[in-house]
C-alpha atoms as a PDB file:
ATOM      1  CA  MET A   1       0.000   0.000   0.000  1.00  0.00           C
ATOM      2  CA  GLU A   2       2.811   2.410   0.847  1.00  0.00           C
ATOM      3  CA  ILE A   3       4.297   1.843  -2.618  1.00  0.00           C
ATOM      4  CA  GLU A   4       0.979   2.843  -4.222  1.00  0.00           C
ATOM      5  CA  ARG A   5       0.689   5.914  -1.983  1.00  0.00           C
ATOM      6  CA  LYS A   6       4.227   6.950  -2.973  1.00  0.00           C
ATOM      7  CA  ARG A   7       3.402   6.430  -6.653  1.00  0.00           C
ATOM      8  CA  LEU A   8       0.282   8.629  -6.361  1.00  0.00           C
ATOM      9  CA  ARG A   9       2.188  11.312  -4.433  1.00  0.00           C
ATOM     10  CA  ASP A  10       5.117  11.385  -6.854  1.00  0.00           C
ATOM     11  CA  ALA A  11       2.876  11.481  -9.937  1.00  0.00           C
ATOM     12  CA  ALA A  12       0.842  14.384  -8.543  1.00  0.00           C
ATOM     13  CA  ILE A  13       3.951  16.378  -7.631  1.00  0.00           C
ATOM     14  CA  ARG A  14       5.598  15.754 -11.025  1.00  0.00           C
ATOM     15  CA  THR A  15       2.459  16.818 -12.889  1.00  0.00           C
ATOM     16  CA  ARG A  16       2.054  19.951 -10.756  1.00  0.00           C
ATOM     17  CA  GLU A  17       5.708  20.950 -11.135  1.00  0.00           C
ATOM     18  CA  ALA A  18       5.440  20.488 -14.911  1.00  0.00           C
ATOM     19  CA  LEU A  19       2.661  23.100 -15.254  1.00  0.00           C
ATOM     20  CA  SER A  20       3.796  26.017 -17.380  1.00  0.00           C
ATOM     21  CA  ALA A  21       3.325  29.531 -16.005  1.00  0.00           C
ATOM     22  CA  THR A  22       0.665  30.092 -18.676  1.00  0.00           C
ATOM     23  CA  ALA A  23      -1.284  26.969 -17.711  1.00  0.00           C
ATOM     24  CA  ARG A  24      -0.850  27.568 -14.000  1.00  0.00           C
ATOM     25  CA  ALA A  25      -1.970  31.228 -13.801  1.00  0.00           C
ATOM     26  CA  PRO A  26      -5.725  30.727 -14.404  1.00  0.00           C
ATOM     27  CA  LEU A  27      -5.825  27.647 -12.153  1.00  0.00           C
ATOM     28  CA  GLU A  28      -4.157  29.506  -9.315  1.00  0.00           C
ATOM     29  CA  ALA A  29      -6.354  32.600  -9.775  1.00  0.00           C
ATOM     30  CA  ALA A  30      -9.529  30.487  -9.611  1.00  0.00           C
ATOM     31  CA  LEU A  31      -8.270  28.552  -6.592  1.00  0.00           C
ATOM     32  CA  GLN A  32      -7.288  31.743  -4.760  1.00  0.00           C
ATOM     33  CA  GLY A  33     -10.761  33.168  -5.419  1.00  0.00           C
ATOM     34  CA  HIS A  34     -12.407  30.085  -3.907  1.00  0.00           C
ATOM     35  CA  VAL A  35     -10.140  30.192  -0.839  1.00  0.00           C
ATOM     36  CA  THR A  36     -11.002  33.881  -0.371  1.00  0.00           C
ATOM     37  CA  THR A  37     -14.730  33.060  -0.536  1.00  0.00           C
ATOM     38  CA  LEU A  38     -14.447  30.252   2.015  1.00  0.00           C
ATOM     39  CA  LEU A  39     -12.366  32.382   4.400  1.00  0.00           C
ATOM     40  CA  ALA A  40     -15.068  35.070   4.285  1.00  0.00           C
ATOM     41  CA  GLN A  41     -17.708  32.449   5.137  1.00  0.00           C
ATOM     42  CA  LEU A  42     -15.762  30.797   7.952  1.00  0.00           C
ATOM     43  CA  ALA A  43     -14.365  34.050   9.410  1.00  0.00           C
ATOM     44  CA  PRO A  44     -11.450  32.644  11.436  1.00  0.00           C
ATOM     45  CA  ALA A  45      -9.416  34.899  13.714  1.00  0.00           C
ATOM     46  CA  THR A  46      -6.248  32.769  13.423  1.00  0.00           C
ATOM     47  CA  LEU A  47      -5.317  31.169  10.133  1.00  0.00           C
ATOM     48  CA  ALA A  48      -2.429  28.836   9.345  1.00  0.00           C
ATOM     49  CA  PHE A  49      -1.153  28.406   5.798  1.00  0.00           C
ATOM     50  CA  CYS A  50       1.912  26.946   4.137  1.00  0.00           C
ATOM     51  CA  TRP A  51       4.631  28.666   2.162  1.00  0.00           C
ATOM     52  CA  PRO A  52       4.401  27.354  -1.421  1.00  0.00           C
ATOM     53  CA  TYR A  53       6.732  24.424  -2.044  1.00  0.00           C
ATOM     54  CA  ARG A  54       7.353  22.334  -5.158  1.00  0.00           C
ATOM     55  CA  GLY A  55       4.722  24.048  -7.289  1.00  0.00           C
ATOM     56  CA  GLU A  56       1.973  24.175  -4.632  1.00  0.00           C
ATOM     57  CA  PRO A  57      -0.607  26.950  -5.039  1.00  0.00           C
ATOM     58  CA  ASP A  58       0.676  30.256  -3.676  1.00  0.00           C
ATOM     59  CA  LEU A  59      -1.744  31.423  -0.969  1.00  0.00           C
ATOM     60  CA  ARG A  60       0.362  34.377   0.209  1.00  0.00           C
ATOM     61  CA  PRO A  61      -1.699  36.955  -1.751  1.00  0.00           C
ATOM     62  CA  VAL A  62      -4.927  35.565  -0.250  1.00  0.00           C
ATOM     63  CA  VAL A  63      -3.511  35.639   3.276  1.00  0.00           C
ATOM     64  CA  GLN A  64      -2.110  39.154   2.826  1.00  0.00           C
ATOM     65  CA  ARG A  65      -5.530  40.447   1.696  1.00  0.00           C
ATOM     66  CA  TRP A  66      -7.221  38.582   4.573  1.00  0.00           C
ATOM     67  CA  LEU A  67      -4.820  40.155   7.089  1.00  0.00           C
ATOM     68  CA  ALA A  68      -5.392  43.630   5.636  1.00  0.00           C
ATOM     69  CA  ALA A  69      -9.187  43.203   5.688  1.00  0.00           C
ATOM     70  CA  GLY A  70      -9.732  42.662   9.374  1.00  0.00           C
ATOM     71  CA  ARG A  71      -8.516  43.709  12.770  1.00  0.00           C
ATOM     72  CA  GLY A  72      -7.778  40.832  15.047  1.00  0.00           C
ATOM     73  CA  HIS A  73      -6.662  38.563  12.200  1.00  0.00           C
ATOM     74  CA  ASP A  74      -3.502  36.569  12.816  1.00  0.00           C
ATOM     75  CA  ALA A  75      -1.742  34.378  10.265  1.00  0.00           C
ATOM     76  CA  CYS A  76       0.837  31.745  11.079  1.00  0.00           C
ATOM     77  CA  LEU A  77       3.104  29.259   9.366  1.00  0.00           C
ATOM     78  CA  PRO A  78       3.944  25.721  10.494  1.00  0.00           C
ATOM     79  CA  VAL A  79       7.416  25.154  11.901  1.00  0.00           C
ATOM     80  CA  VAL A  80       8.952  21.687  12.170  1.00  0.00           C
ATOM     81  CA  VAL A  81      10.452  21.379  15.645  1.00  0.00           C
ATOM     82  CA  ALA A  82      11.927  17.885  15.239  1.00  0.00           C
ATOM     83  CA  PRO A  83      11.315  14.780  13.125  1.00  0.00           C
ATOM     84  CA  GLY A  84       8.440  12.712  14.481  1.00  0.00           C
ATOM     85  CA  GLN A  85       7.036  15.614  16.516  1.00  0.00           C
ATOM     86  CA  PRO A  86       3.943  17.781  15.933  1.00  0.00           C
ATOM     87  CA  MET A  87       4.635  21.122  14.309  1.00  0.00           C
ATOM     88  CA  VAL A  88       4.151  24.469  16.028  1.00  0.00           C
ATOM     89  CA  PHE A  89       2.714  27.576  14.366  1.00  0.00           C
ATOM     90  CA  ARG A  90       4.598  30.866  14.442  1.00  0.00           C
ATOM     91  CA  GLN A  91       2.913  34.165  13.647  1.00  0.00           C
ATOM     92  CA  TRP A  92       3.587  35.521  10.159  1.00  0.00           C
ATOM     93  CA  THR A  93       3.146  38.962   8.636  1.00  0.00           C
ATOM     94  CA  PRO A  94       4.438  40.241   5.294  1.00  0.00           C
ATOM     95  CA  ALA A  95       7.242  41.916   7.289  1.00  0.00           C
ATOM     96  CA  SER A  96       8.344  38.733   9.109  1.00  0.00           C
ATOM     97  CA  GLN A  97      12.009  37.784   8.928  1.00  0.00           C
ATOM     98  CA  MET A  98      12.268  34.347   7.325  1.00  0.00           C
ATOM     99  CA  VAL A  99      14.921  31.623   7.270  1.00  0.00           C
ATOM    100  CA  PRO A 100      14.853  28.377   5.277  1.00  0.00           C
ATOM    101  CA  ASP A 101      14.190  25.179   7.222  1.00  0.00           C
ATOM    102  CA  ARG A 102      15.978  21.894   6.472  1.00  0.00           C
ATOM    103  CA  HIS A 103      13.833  21.452   3.332  1.00  0.00           C
ATOM    104  CA  GLY A 104      14.510  25.002   2.139  1.00  0.00           C
ATOM    105  CA  ILE A 105      11.002  26.213   3.074  1.00  0.00           C
ATOM    106  CA  PRO A 106      11.026  29.729   4.575  1.00  0.00           C
ATOM    107  CA  THR A 107       9.806  29.930   8.185  1.00  0.00           C
ATOM    108  CA  PRO A 108       9.510  32.928  10.534  1.00  0.00           C
ATOM    109  CA  THR A 109      12.537  33.481  12.769  1.00  0.00           C
ATOM    110  CA  ASP A 110      10.553  34.973  15.640  1.00  0.00           C
ATOM    111  CA  GLY A 111       7.089  35.988  16.730  1.00  0.00           C
ATOM    112  CA  PRO A 112       4.620  34.349  19.072  1.00  0.00           C
ATOM    113  CA  LEU A 113       3.445  30.771  18.754  1.00  0.00           C
ATOM    114  CA  LEU A 114      -0.259  30.634  17.872  1.00  0.00           C
ATOM    115  CA  THR A 115      -2.967  27.975  17.843  1.00  0.00           C
ATOM    116  CA  PRO A 116      -4.800  28.228  14.511  1.00  0.00           C
ATOM    117  CA  GLU A 117      -8.571  27.905  14.241  1.00  0.00           C
ATOM    118  CA  LEU A 118      -8.327  27.091  10.563  1.00  0.00           C
ATOM    119  CA  LEU A 119      -5.542  25.439   8.573  1.00  0.00           C
ATOM    120  CA  LEU A 120      -4.977  25.704   4.834  1.00  0.00           C
ATOM    121  CA  ILE A 121      -3.147  22.445   4.095  1.00  0.00           C
ATOM    122  CA  PRO A 122      -1.497  21.649   0.749  1.00  0.00           C
ATOM    123  CA  LEU A 123      -2.710  18.672  -1.259  1.00  0.00           C
ATOM    124  CA  ASN A 124      -0.462  16.560  -3.425  1.00  0.00           C
ATOM    125  CA  ALA A 125      -2.796  13.665  -4.234  1.00  0.00           C
ATOM    126  CA  PHE A 126      -6.257  13.721  -2.626  1.00  0.00           C
ATOM    127  CA  ASP A 127      -9.585  11.939  -2.808  1.00  0.00           C
ATOM    128  CA  ALA A 128     -13.271  12.909  -2.527  1.00  0.00           C
ATOM    129  CA  ALA A 129     -13.412  11.627   1.065  1.00  0.00           C
ATOM    130  CA  GLY A 130     -11.019  14.444   2.061  1.00  0.00           C
ATOM    131  CA  TYR A 131      -7.912  12.333   2.559  1.00  0.00           C
ATOM    132  CA  ARG A 132      -4.633  13.739   1.300  1.00  0.00           C
ATOM    133  CA  LEU A 133      -1.111  12.691   0.602  1.00  0.00           C
ATOM    134  CA  GLY A 134       1.506  15.145   1.757  1.00  0.00           C
ATOM    135  CA  TYR A 135       5.213  14.437   1.423  1.00  0.00           C
ATOM    136  CA  GLY A 136       5.172  11.293   3.565  1.00  0.00           C
ATOM    137  CA  GLY A 137       6.577  12.650   6.836  1.00  0.00           C
ATOM    138  CA  GLY A 138       3.258  12.579   8.715  1.00  0.00           C
ATOM    139  CA  TYR A 139       3.758  16.074  10.141  1.00  0.00           C
ATOM    140  CA  PHE A 140       0.228  17.332   9.542  1.00  0.00           C
ATOM    141  CA  ASP A 141      -1.415  14.142  10.819  1.00  0.00           C
ATOM    142  CA  ARG A 142       0.646  14.262  14.043  1.00  0.00           C
ATOM    143  CA  THR A 143      -0.047  17.963  14.431  1.00  0.00           C
ATOM    144  CA  LEU A 144      -3.807  17.616  13.851  1.00  0.00           C
ATOM    145  CA  ALA A 145      -3.937  14.780  16.402  1.00  0.00           C
ATOM    146  CA  ALA A 146      -2.147  16.967  18.978  1.00  0.00           C
ATOM    147  CA  LEU A 147      -4.085  20.239  18.564  1.00  0.00           C
ATOM    148  CA  SER A 148      -6.852  20.926  21.043  1.00  0.00           C
ATOM    149  CA  PRO A 149      -9.335  22.182  20.228  1.00  0.00           C
ATOM    150  CA  ALA A 150      -9.158  20.529  16.831  1.00  0.00           C
ATOM    151  CA  PRO A 151      -8.954  23.154  14.079  1.00  0.00           C
ATOM    152  CA  ARG A 152     -11.024  23.195  10.917  1.00  0.00           C
ATOM    153  CA  THR A 153      -9.024  22.067   7.882  1.00  0.00           C
ATOM    154  CA  ILE A 154      -9.120  23.074   4.252  1.00  0.00           C
ATOM    155  CA  GLY A 155      -7.106  21.010   1.798  1.00  0.00           C
ATOM    156  CA  VAL A 156      -5.884  23.231  -1.044  1.00  0.00           C
ATOM    157  CA  GLY A 157      -4.560  21.928  -4.353  1.00  0.00           C
ATOM    158  CA  PHE A 158      -5.047  21.590  -8.065  1.00  0.00           C
ATOM    159  CA  GLU A 159      -7.561  19.135  -9.555  1.00  0.00           C
ATOM    160  CA  LEU A 160      -4.673  17.366 -11.273  1.00  0.00           C
ATOM    161  CA  GLY A 161      -3.960  15.743  -7.894  1.00  0.00           C
ATOM    162  CA  ARG A 162      -7.436  14.198  -7.507  1.00  0.00           C
ATOM    163  CA  VAL A 163      -7.360  10.380  -7.330  1.00  0.00           C
ATOM    164  CA  ALA A 164      -9.981   7.701  -6.708  1.00  0.00           C
ATOM    165  CA  THR A 165      -8.439   6.901  -3.316  1.00  0.00           C
ATOM    166  CA  THR A 166      -5.323   7.807  -1.376  1.00  0.00           C
ATOM    167  CA  HIS A 167      -5.562   4.478   0.466  1.00  0.00           C
ATOM    168  CA  PRO A 168      -5.956   6.266   3.835  1.00  0.00           C
ATOM    169  CA  GLN A 169      -4.235   4.853   6.883  1.00  0.00           C
ATOM    170  CA  PRO A 170      -5.782   4.764  10.393  1.00  0.00           C
ATOM    171  CA  HIS A 171      -3.763   7.826  11.508  1.00  0.00           C
ATOM    172  CA  ASP A 172      -4.768   9.980   8.489  1.00  0.00           C
ATOM    173  CA  HIS A 173      -7.025  12.964   9.167  1.00  0.00           C
ATOM    174  CA  PRO A 174      -9.510  13.896   6.421  1.00  0.00           C
ATOM    175  CA  MET A 175      -9.947  17.546   5.524  1.00  0.00           C
ATOM    176  CA  HIS A 176     -13.233  19.323   6.277  1.00  0.00           C
ATOM    177  CA  TRP A 177     -13.192  21.058   2.884  1.00  0.00           C
ATOM    178  CA  LEU A 178     -11.259  20.629  -0.347  1.00  0.00           C
ATOM    179  CA  VAL A 179     -10.595  23.726  -2.451  1.00  0.00           C
ATOM    180  CA  THR A 180      -9.343  23.455  -6.014  1.00  0.00           C
ATOM    181  CA  GLU A 181      -9.651  25.612  -9.108  1.00  0.00           C
ATOM    182  CA  ALA A 182     -12.972  23.791  -9.695  1.00  0.00           C
ATOM    183  CA  GLY A 183     -14.537  25.110  -6.482  1.00  0.00           C
ATOM    184  CA  ILE A 184     -15.193  24.493  -2.799  1.00  0.00           C
ATOM    185  CA  HIS A 185     -15.986  20.897  -1.902  1.00  0.00           C
ATOM    186  CA  PRO A 186     -17.315  20.208   1.620  1.00  0.00           C
ATOM    187  CA  VAL A 187     -16.307  16.792   2.950  1.00  0.00           C
ATOM    188  CA  GLY A 188     -18.502  15.096   5.540  1.00  0.00           C
ATOM    189  CA  PRO A 189     -19.433  16.754   8.857  1.00  0.00           C
ATOM    190  CA  ARG A 190     -17.620  19.948   9.716  1.00  0.00           C
ATOM    191  CA  PRO A 191     -16.934  21.406  13.166  1.00  0.00           C
END
């Protein structure tokens, strides 16, 4: 099963990274519009998102507009503390000083640790039941299991990553919503 999950993950990442700028621009614009709509509906005070990595949709413009639109809005980015441990979330603003982590992903160097109400989580491969394949390290699943209260989760990715099944494992946490360039897709009961 793990071999099939790796095959699905790798195929989705390769396809996403191969998108030309011309093909990617309208997909990303549509996806960003749908994320903006869902954020307005859900109205979180604290939002976590991920810095774009390996061709993932860039949500920074959405988060910057969301921060500018409301007082009391806080954004944060996940920070890997150690392998096998849940991540923490450090406050982010457009002025935050950033340093690359061990994977080369920029993370804030300082700022308070926050507990997000809503997480925007990247999707590599994903299925209609809301299960996703990340990069195989299990960081988001460990983090979601450790957060209390449990945050709402929005999986964000391009339709090219949709598969019939991700072959979910017992520790996998399904998303509450999936957002792609095709729209907003609620998944099962939501908190």
